[in-house]
């Protein structure tokens, strides 16, 4: 298919990607539904193809989104990597095993958080390499995305209900003390986002809440966990954009990525404040209502 992407479409899709990647309403689902609703048939028809310029374009938007997240959390990442430096110094004295003995109370807390973030990225990283392309070509269609967006709403609302009902029985968890098992559980939940319509941040937040984190910490853990996943996924597929699939859309991709990065920065700043006092319920209702309306529209 001949590449056809206007700068206006690139800007709209960039803003959409940056916002919905972090808002728990699914960026992939919206990247399918919004072009269909706007009648952008050139984008709709390209999404479920095995190879297309639009998929190469989305790669660039993911990189832009990750950069926006890195800029917002820059001081946090600097602190985490300083912790790595300190722990490497300890490892020279105590031996290499001190790098993964999470039960050691002397382990640097910043290094420990960096380590469990790395653990949490493993499941979705493997699943993404094996399944992402197949699932996208199979389910990146408006009706399927609408159904999964509805499912996303159920996940968010059910997660909030389960958290309230289990609240007295689940020990309060601090972010710095999350176990490797819980990090794997939260990281594994992100695999659901391979289905267009289910939110990566939403699934991870629900898993975090059920694991004992409060909303603010679950959100921060979700966003920190998503940063390397989104960035590495984009960089892994960047050769597609540099190859023939990127012909005719590279400049538009740069423009879209800039808007995606700016939108991601604003979105994460808003959400971190939002989750200090509020819940996932509004996003669950939104996903449920919009998902059902789109099911009716595209059925």
Protein backbone atom coordinates (compact mmCIF):
# COMPACT_ATOMS: atom_id res chain seq x y z
CA UNK A 1 0.00 0.00 0.00
CA UNK A 2 1.23 3.47 -0.88
CA UNK A 3 2.07 5.43 2.26
CA UNK A 4 -0.51 8.13 2.90
CA UNK A 5 -0.34 10.10 6.12
CA UNK A 6 -1.00 13.82 6.49
CA UNK A 7 0.69 16.02 9.06
CA UNK A 8 -2.69 16.69 10.66
CA UNK A 9 -3.25 12.96 11.07
CA UNK A 10 0.27 12.59 12.47
CA UNK A 11 -0.34 15.30 15.08
CA UNK A 12 -3.74 13.90 16.11
CA UNK A 13 -2.39 10.37 16.40
CA UNK A 14 0.67 11.61 18.29
CA UNK A 15 -1.45 13.43 20.86
CA UNK A 16 -3.76 10.45 21.10
CA UNK A 17 -0.86 8.03 21.64
CA UNK A 18 0.83 10.15 24.29
CA UNK A 19 -2.36 10.59 26.32
CA UNK A 20 -3.98 7.16 26.01
CA UNK A 21 -0.75 5.23 26.58
CA UNK A 22 -0.76 6.53 30.15
CA UNK A 23 -4.45 7.11 30.80
CA UNK A 24 -5.77 3.58 31.51
CA UNK A 25 -7.94 3.47 28.39
CA UNK A 26 -5.62 1.74 25.84
CA UNK A 27 -3.55 3.62 23.29
CA UNK A 28 -3.65 0.70 20.86
CA UNK A 29 -7.42 0.49 21.07
CA UNK A 30 -7.80 4.21 20.44
CA UNK A 31 -5.32 4.10 17.55
CA UNK A 32 -7.73 1.63 15.92
CA UNK A 33 -11.05 3.21 16.89
CA UNK A 34 -10.38 6.93 16.37
CA UNK A 35 -9.23 6.65 12.72
CA UNK A 36 -12.27 4.46 12.02
CA UNK A 37 -14.62 6.99 13.65
CA UNK A 38 -13.00 9.87 11.73
CA UNK A 39 -13.23 8.03 8.43
CA UNK A 40 -9.47 7.82 7.95
CA UNK A 41 -9.77 4.67 5.87
CA UNK A 42 -6.14 4.84 4.75
CA UNK A 43 -5.08 4.26 8.35
CA UNK A 44 -7.82 1.78 9.24
CA UNK A 45 -7.11 -0.54 6.33
CA UNK A 46 -3.36 -0.54 7.00
CA UNK A 47 -3.52 -1.55 10.66
CA UNK A 48 -4.28 -5.24 10.31
CA UNK A 49 -1.88 -5.80 7.42
CA UNK A 50 1.22 -7.90 8.00
CA UNK A 51 3.44 -4.98 7.01
CA UNK A 52 2.31 -1.37 6.70
CA UNK A 53 3.53 2.21 6.91
CA UNK A 54 1.13 2.90 9.79
CA UNK A 55 2.75 0.29 12.02
CA UNK A 56 6.13 1.86 11.28
CA UNK A 57 4.63 5.25 12.18
CA UNK A 58 3.29 3.90 15.50
CA UNK A 59 6.83 2.73 16.35
CA UNK A 60 8.01 6.33 16.23
CA UNK A 61 5.13 7.45 18.44
CA UNK A 62 6.09 4.86 21.03
CA UNK A 63 9.64 6.18 21.15
CA UNK A 64 8.31 9.72 21.57
CA UNK A 65 6.02 8.59 24.40
CA UNK A 66 8.89 6.85 26.18
CA UNK A 67 11.03 9.98 25.93
CA UNK A 68 8.21 12.02 27.50
CA UNK A 69 8.10 9.54 30.38
CA UNK A 70 11.88 9.62 30.80
CA UNK A 71 11.87 13.42 30.94
CA UNK A 72 9.18 13.42 33.66
CA UNK A 73 10.86 10.71 35.74
CA UNK A 74 14.41 11.82 34.96
CA UNK A 75 15.36 12.49 38.57
CA UNK A 76 13.90 9.14 39.63
CA UNK A 77 15.87 7.24 36.98
CA UNK A 78 19.07 9.09 37.91
CA UNK A 79 18.53 8.09 41.54
CA UNK A 80 17.83 4.47 40.59
CA UNK A 81 20.99 4.21 38.51
CA UNK A 82 23.01 5.82 41.29
CA UNK A 83 21.71 3.02 43.45
CA UNK A 84 23.04 0.57 40.85
CA UNK A 85 26.46 2.17 41.15
CA UNK A 86 26.38 1.86 44.94
CA UNK A 87 25.28 -1.76 44.79
CA UNK A 88 28.02 -2.63 42.32
CA UNK A 89 30.47 -1.25 44.87
CA UNK A 90 28.95 -3.52 47.51
CA UNK A 91 29.16 -6.47 45.10
CA UNK A 92 32.89 -5.95 44.74
CA UNK A 93 33.22 -6.43 48.50
CA UNK A 94 30.53 -9.05 49.22
CA UNK A 95 30.45 -10.88 45.91
CA UNK A 96 28.15 -11.01 42.89
CA UNK A 97 25.23 -12.75 44.71
CA UNK A 98 24.60 -9.51 46.62
CA UNK A 99 23.17 -8.13 43.38
CA UNK A 100 20.09 -10.38 43.54
CA UNK A 101 19.60 -11.18 47.22
CA UNK A 102 16.50 -9.03 47.64
CA UNK A 103 15.99 -10.17 51.23
CA UNK A 104 19.28 -8.56 52.26
CA UNK A 105 18.28 -5.52 54.39
CA UNK A 106 21.54 -3.77 53.47
CA UNK A 107 20.69 -3.74 49.76
CA UNK A 108 20.44 -0.17 48.42
CA UNK A 109 16.70 0.60 48.19
CA UNK A 110 17.07 2.46 44.89
CA UNK A 111 18.96 -0.41 43.32
CA UNK A 112 16.35 -2.81 44.66
CA UNK A 113 13.56 -0.87 42.92
CA UNK A 114 15.55 -0.77 39.68
CA UNK A 115 16.11 -4.53 39.95
CA UNK A 116 12.43 -5.38 40.43
CA UNK A 117 11.49 -3.04 37.57
CA UNK A 118 13.87 -5.04 35.38
CA UNK A 119 12.24 -8.26 36.57
CA UNK A 120 8.80 -6.89 35.80
CA UNK A 121 9.69 -6.14 32.18
CA UNK A 122 10.69 -9.75 31.40
CA UNK A 123 7.22 -11.34 30.85
CA UNK A 124 5.80 -8.63 28.59
CA UNK A 125 9.11 -8.34 26.74
CA UNK A 126 9.09 -12.02 25.83
CA UNK A 127 5.37 -12.02 25.02
CA UNK A 128 5.75 -8.89 22.89
CA UNK A 129 8.49 -10.42 20.76
CA UNK A 130 6.53 -13.65 20.27
CA UNK A 131 2.94 -12.43 20.00
CA UNK A 132 2.65 -8.68 19.40
CA UNK A 133 2.71 -8.76 15.61
CA UNK A 134 0.33 -11.72 15.36
CA UNK A 135 -2.19 -10.26 17.80
CA UNK A 136 -2.10 -6.84 16.17
CA UNK A 137 -2.80 -8.17 12.68
CA UNK A 138 -5.55 -10.40 14.10
CA UNK A 139 -7.33 -7.98 16.44
CA UNK A 140 -6.44 -4.47 15.19
CA UNK A 141 -9.94 -4.03 13.81
CA UNK A 142 -12.59 -1.56 15.05
CA UNK A 143 -15.10 -4.13 16.34
CA UNK A 144 -12.46 -6.21 18.13
CA UNK A 145 -10.92 -3.06 19.65
CA UNK A 146 -14.35 -1.92 20.84
CA UNK A 147 -14.99 -5.27 22.52
CA UNK A 148 -11.63 -5.25 24.26
CA UNK A 149 -12.12 -1.63 25.36
CA UNK A 150 -15.34 -2.76 27.00
CA UNK A 151 -13.40 -5.59 28.68
CA UNK A 152 -10.88 -2.98 29.84
CA UNK A 153 -13.67 -1.11 31.60
CA UNK A 154 -14.74 -4.31 33.36
CA UNK A 155 -11.13 -4.98 34.46
CA UNK A 156 -10.75 -1.48 35.95
CA UNK A 157 -14.12 -1.49 37.74
CA UNK A 158 -13.75 -5.05 38.97
CA UNK A 159 -10.22 -4.30 40.14
CA UNK A 160 -11.45 -1.37 42.23
CA UNK A 161 -14.24 -3.48 43.71
CA UNK A 162 -11.89 -6.34 44.57
CA UNK A 163 -9.44 -3.91 46.15
CA UNK A 164 -12.14 -2.49 48.41
CA UNK A 165 -13.42 -5.93 49.39
CA UNK A 166 -9.92 -7.29 50.03
CA UNK A 167 -8.50 -4.10 51.50
CA UNK A 168 -8.58 -5.30 55.10
CA UNK A 169 -6.94 -8.60 54.22
CA UNK A 170 -4.06 -7.37 52.03
CA UNK A 171 -1.01 -5.96 53.77
CA UNK A 172 -0.14 -2.39 52.80
CA UNK A 173 2.87 -2.52 50.47
CA UNK A 174 5.53 0.15 50.04
CA UNK A 175 6.93 0.60 46.54
CA UNK A 176 10.50 0.03 47.68
CA UNK A 177 9.59 -3.33 49.25
CA UNK A 178 7.65 -4.91 46.38
CA UNK A 179 8.73 -8.53 46.06
CA UNK A 180 10.11 -10.09 42.88
CA UNK A 181 7.00 -12.27 42.73
CA UNK A 182 4.68 -9.26 42.80
CA UNK A 183 6.83 -7.42 40.26
CA UNK A 184 6.50 -10.42 37.94
CA UNK A 185 2.75 -10.48 38.53
CA UNK A 186 2.37 -6.77 37.73
CA UNK A 187 4.69 -7.07 34.73
CA UNK A 188 2.81 -10.12 33.42
CA UNK A 189 -0.48 -8.19 33.58
CA UNK A 190 0.86 -5.87 30.88
CA UNK A 191 0.64 -8.73 28.37
CA UNK A 192 -3.12 -8.04 28.24
CA UNK A 193 -2.29 -4.76 26.47
CA UNK A 194 -1.23 -6.74 23.40
CA UNK A 195 -4.97 -6.95 22.73
CA UNK A 196 -6.06 -3.66 21.16
CA UNK A 197 -8.45 -2.07 23.67
CA UNK A 198 -6.93 -3.26 26.95
CA UNK A 199 -4.74 -0.72 28.72
CA UNK A 200 -1.16 -1.48 29.74
CA UNK A 201 -1.19 1.05 32.58
CA UNK A 202 -4.68 0.02 33.67
CA UNK A 203 -3.86 -3.69 33.89
CA UNK A 204 -0.62 -2.97 35.75
CA UNK A 205 -2.36 -0.61 38.17
CA UNK A 206 -5.06 -3.15 38.97
CA UNK A 207 -2.39 -5.80 39.61
CA UNK A 208 -0.52 -3.33 41.82
CA UNK A 209 -3.64 -2.40 43.78
CA UNK A 210 -4.51 -6.04 44.39
CA UNK A 211 -0.91 -6.56 45.51
CA UNK A 212 -1.23 -3.95 48.26
CA UNK A 213 -0.01 -0.73 46.62
CA UNK A 214 -2.10 2.41 46.93
CA UNK A 215 -3.27 4.24 43.82
CA UNK A 216 -0.38 6.70 43.72
CA UNK A 217 2.30 4.03 44.11
CA UNK A 218 0.53 1.66 41.71
CA UNK A 219 0.46 4.45 39.12
CA UNK A 220 4.12 5.35 39.59
CA UNK A 221 5.18 1.70 39.43
CA UNK A 222 3.07 1.22 36.30
CA UNK A 223 4.58 4.25 34.56
CA UNK A 224 8.15 3.37 35.55
CA UNK A 225 7.60 -0.21 34.43
CA UNK A 226 6.11 0.92 31.12
CA UNK A 227 8.99 3.25 30.23
CA UNK A 228 11.63 0.63 29.27
CA UNK A 229 8.95 -1.61 27.73
CA UNK A 230 7.64 1.14 25.43
CA UNK A 231 11.12 2.43 24.61
CA UNK A 232 12.66 -0.95 23.86
CA UNK A 233 9.63 -2.05 21.83
CA UNK A 234 9.97 1.10 19.74
CA UNK A 235 13.72 0.78 19.29
CA UNK A 236 13.36 -2.93 18.46
CA UNK A 237 11.10 -2.08 15.54
CA UNK A 238 12.78 1.16 14.54
CA UNK A 239 14.46 -0.55 11.54
CA UNK A 240 10.95 -0.87 10.04
CA UNK A 241 10.69 2.92 10.03
CA UNK A 242 14.17 3.26 8.57
CA UNK A 243 13.36 0.69 5.86
CA UNK A 244 10.95 0.76 2.97
CA UNK A 245 7.89 0.85 5.26
CA UNK A 246 8.96 4.30 6.42
CA UNK A 247 9.12 5.77 2.93
CA UNK A 248 6.89 8.83 2.76
CA UNK A 249 6.08 8.97 6.50
CA UNK A 250 9.38 9.60 8.28
CA UNK A 251 8.95 13.36 8.64
CA UNK A 252 5.35 12.92 9.74
CA UNK A 253 6.57 10.35 12.26
CA UNK A 254 9.04 12.82 13.76
CA UNK A 255 6.27 15.40 14.09
CA UNK A 256 3.89 12.86 15.61
CA UNK A 257 6.57 11.62 18.01
CA UNK A 258 7.22 15.16 19.27
CA UNK A 259 3.53 15.64 20.02
CA UNK A 260 3.33 12.17 21.59
CA UNK A 261 6.25 12.98 23.88
CA UNK A 262 4.74 16.31 24.95
CA UNK A 263 1.33 14.71 25.51
CA UNK A 264 2.86 11.86 27.54
CA UNK A 265 4.67 14.35 29.79
CA UNK A 266 1.47 16.32 30.45
CA UNK A 267 -0.57 13.12 30.90
CA UNK A 268 1.76 11.53 33.45
CA UNK A 269 2.04 14.79 35.38
CA UNK A 270 -1.75 14.99 35.57
CA UNK A 271 -2.24 11.32 36.46
CA UNK A 272 0.35 11.24 39.24
CA UNK A 273 -1.59 14.05 40.92
CA UNK A 274 -4.95 12.47 40.12
CA UNK A 275 -4.11 9.17 41.80
CA UNK A 276 -3.03 10.81 45.05
CA UNK A 277 -6.73 11.13 45.91
CA UNK A 278 -8.78 9.48 43.15
CA UNK A 279 -9.36 6.04 41.63
CA UNK A 280 -9.65 4.12 38.34
CA UNK A 281 -13.45 4.24 38.40
CA UNK A 282 -13.93 7.19 35.96
CA UNK A 283 -11.62 5.49 33.44
CA UNK A 284 -13.48 2.22 33.89
CA UNK A 285 -16.82 3.91 33.20
CA UNK A 286 -15.36 5.70 30.17
CA UNK A 287 -13.98 2.45 28.73
CA UNK A 288 -17.24 0.61 29.34
CA UNK A 289 -19.49 3.29 27.82
CA UNK A 290 -17.29 4.16 24.83
CA UNK A 291 -16.52 0.51 24.22
CA UNK A 292 -20.20 -0.46 24.13
CA UNK A 293 -21.10 2.49 21.90
CA UNK A 294 -18.34 1.51 19.48
CA UNK A 295 -19.50 -2.13 19.54
CA UNK A 296 -22.91 -0.91 18.39
CA UNK A 297 -21.29 1.39 15.81
CA UNK A 298 -19.05 -1.23 14.23
CA UNK A 299 -21.12 -4.41 14.72
